[in-house]
């Protein structure tokens, strides 16, 4: 599982029929630097992920990738590589709250 911040949406009017109705998000993984555990460090890559939970821009989400992503999808035969499996409320590192959804 990967923590990531939603950076935007992806629209694809032509896609695999099993993907019809699926919302696509552009997310950037978040890393915890133990030298500065009080804040996230953004990853260098972005990932397109399927979202059936209703996450929005700026929110922190939990994603699954690879074969595990299909298990989190509506249909296990859907051709996806990443899926939002949770919208994060809080993240605590070394007894320090570094993310709270209401902030």
Protein backbone atom coordinates (compact mmCIF):
# COMPACT_ATOMS: atom_id res chain seq x y z
CA UNK A 1 0.00 0.00 0.00
CA UNK A 2 1.10 3.52 -0.77
CA UNK A 3 0.20 6.88 0.76
CA UNK A 4 -0.39 9.50 -1.94
CA UNK A 5 -1.83 12.99 -2.37
CA UNK A 6 -4.47 13.58 -5.04
CA UNK A 7 -3.11 16.14 -7.50
CA UNK A 8 -5.87 16.11 -10.09
CA UNK A 9 -8.19 14.11 -12.29
CA UNK A 10 -7.71 12.28 -15.56
CA UNK A 11 -10.48 12.16 -18.17
CA UNK A 12 -10.47 9.48 -20.84
CA UNK A 13 -13.57 9.45 -23.02
CA UNK A 14 -12.40 6.31 -24.81
CA UNK A 15 -11.34 3.45 -22.58
CA UNK A 16 -11.84 -0.25 -21.94
CA UNK A 17 -15.56 -0.99 -21.52
CA UNK A 18 -14.98 -2.40 -18.02
CA UNK A 19 -13.66 1.02 -17.00
CA UNK A 20 -16.90 2.85 -17.87
CA UNK A 21 -18.04 4.91 -14.91
CA UNK A 22 -14.70 4.72 -13.13
CA UNK A 23 -13.21 7.98 -11.87
CA UNK A 24 -9.50 8.36 -12.58
CA UNK A 25 -7.21 10.40 -10.34
CA UNK A 26 -3.65 11.59 -10.71
CA UNK A 27 -1.80 11.00 -7.42
CA UNK A 28 1.75 11.58 -6.16
CA UNK A 29 3.19 9.17 -3.57
CA UNK A 30 4.15 10.66 -0.21
CA UNK A 31 7.36 9.66 1.54
CA UNK A 32 8.31 10.05 5.19
CA UNK A 33 11.86 11.29 5.67
CA UNK A 34 12.94 10.06 9.09
CA UNK A 35 15.43 12.95 9.28
CA UNK A 36 12.38 15.28 9.19
CA UNK A 37 9.48 13.06 10.26
CA UNK A 38 7.15 16.01 10.85
CA UNK A 39 6.28 16.39 7.19
CA UNK A 40 5.80 14.43 4.00
CA UNK A 41 8.26 14.56 1.14
CA UNK A 42 6.56 14.25 -2.28
CA UNK A 43 7.64 11.38 -4.49
CA UNK A 44 9.14 12.01 -7.91
CA UNK A 45 6.54 10.10 -9.93
CA UNK A 46 2.79 10.32 -10.43
CA UNK A 47 0.31 7.46 -10.73
CA UNK A 48 -3.09 7.27 -12.39
CA UNK A 49 -5.45 5.39 -10.11
CA UNK A 50 -9.09 4.32 -10.17
CA UNK A 51 -11.20 5.89 -7.42
CA UNK A 52 -14.62 4.53 -6.45
CA UNK A 53 -14.55 6.17 -2.98
CA UNK A 54 -14.90 9.81 -4.03
CA UNK A 55 -11.52 11.27 -3.08
CA UNK A 56 -10.88 14.87 -4.03
CA UNK A 57 -7.93 17.05 -4.97
CA UNK A 58 -5.53 17.64 -2.09
CA UNK A 59 -6.71 14.67 -0.04
CA UNK A 60 -4.33 11.96 1.12
CA UNK A 61 -5.34 8.50 -0.03
CA UNK A 62 -4.19 4.94 0.42
CA UNK A 63 -3.66 3.07 -2.85
CA UNK A 64 -2.92 -0.51 -3.82
CA UNK A 65 -0.98 -1.35 -6.97
CA UNK A 66 -0.40 -4.37 -9.16
CA UNK A 67 -2.44 -7.54 -8.85
CA UNK A 68 -3.74 -6.39 -5.45
CA UNK A 69 -5.40 -3.41 -7.16
CA UNK A 70 -7.81 -5.66 -9.01
CA UNK A 71 -8.97 -7.12 -5.70
CA UNK A 72 -9.99 -3.62 -4.57
CA UNK A 73 -11.90 -2.90 -7.78
CA UNK A 74 -15.60 -3.46 -8.46
CA UNK A 75 -14.82 -6.27 -10.92
CA UNK A 76 -11.75 -8.45 -10.48
CA UNK A 77 -11.38 -8.68 -14.27
CA UNK A 78 -11.04 -4.90 -14.72
CA UNK A 79 -7.65 -3.98 -16.26
CA UNK A 80 -6.33 -1.66 -13.57
CA UNK A 81 -2.92 -1.27 -11.95
CA UNK A 82 -3.76 1.12 -9.09
CA UNK A 83 -6.89 1.72 -7.02
CA UNK A 84 -7.82 4.00 -4.12
CA UNK A 85 -8.64 1.73 -1.18
CA UNK A 86 -8.94 4.41 1.51
CA UNK A 87 -9.20 8.14 2.17
CA UNK A 88 -6.80 8.93 5.02
CA UNK A 89 -7.97 10.71 8.17
CA UNK A 90 -4.67 10.97 10.04
CA UNK A 91 -1.02 9.92 9.78
CA UNK A 92 1.15 9.60 12.88
CA UNK A 93 4.93 9.12 12.64
CA UNK A 94 7.05 8.60 15.74
CA UNK A 95 4.16 9.77 17.95
CA UNK A 96 3.88 13.00 15.93
CA UNK A 97 0.73 13.80 13.95
CA UNK A 98 1.93 14.81 10.47
CA UNK A 99 -1.41 14.79 8.66
CA UNK A 100 -4.98 15.41 9.72
CA UNK A 101 -7.72 15.53 7.09
CA UNK A 102 -9.40 18.60 8.57
CA UNK A 103 -6.26 20.76 8.44
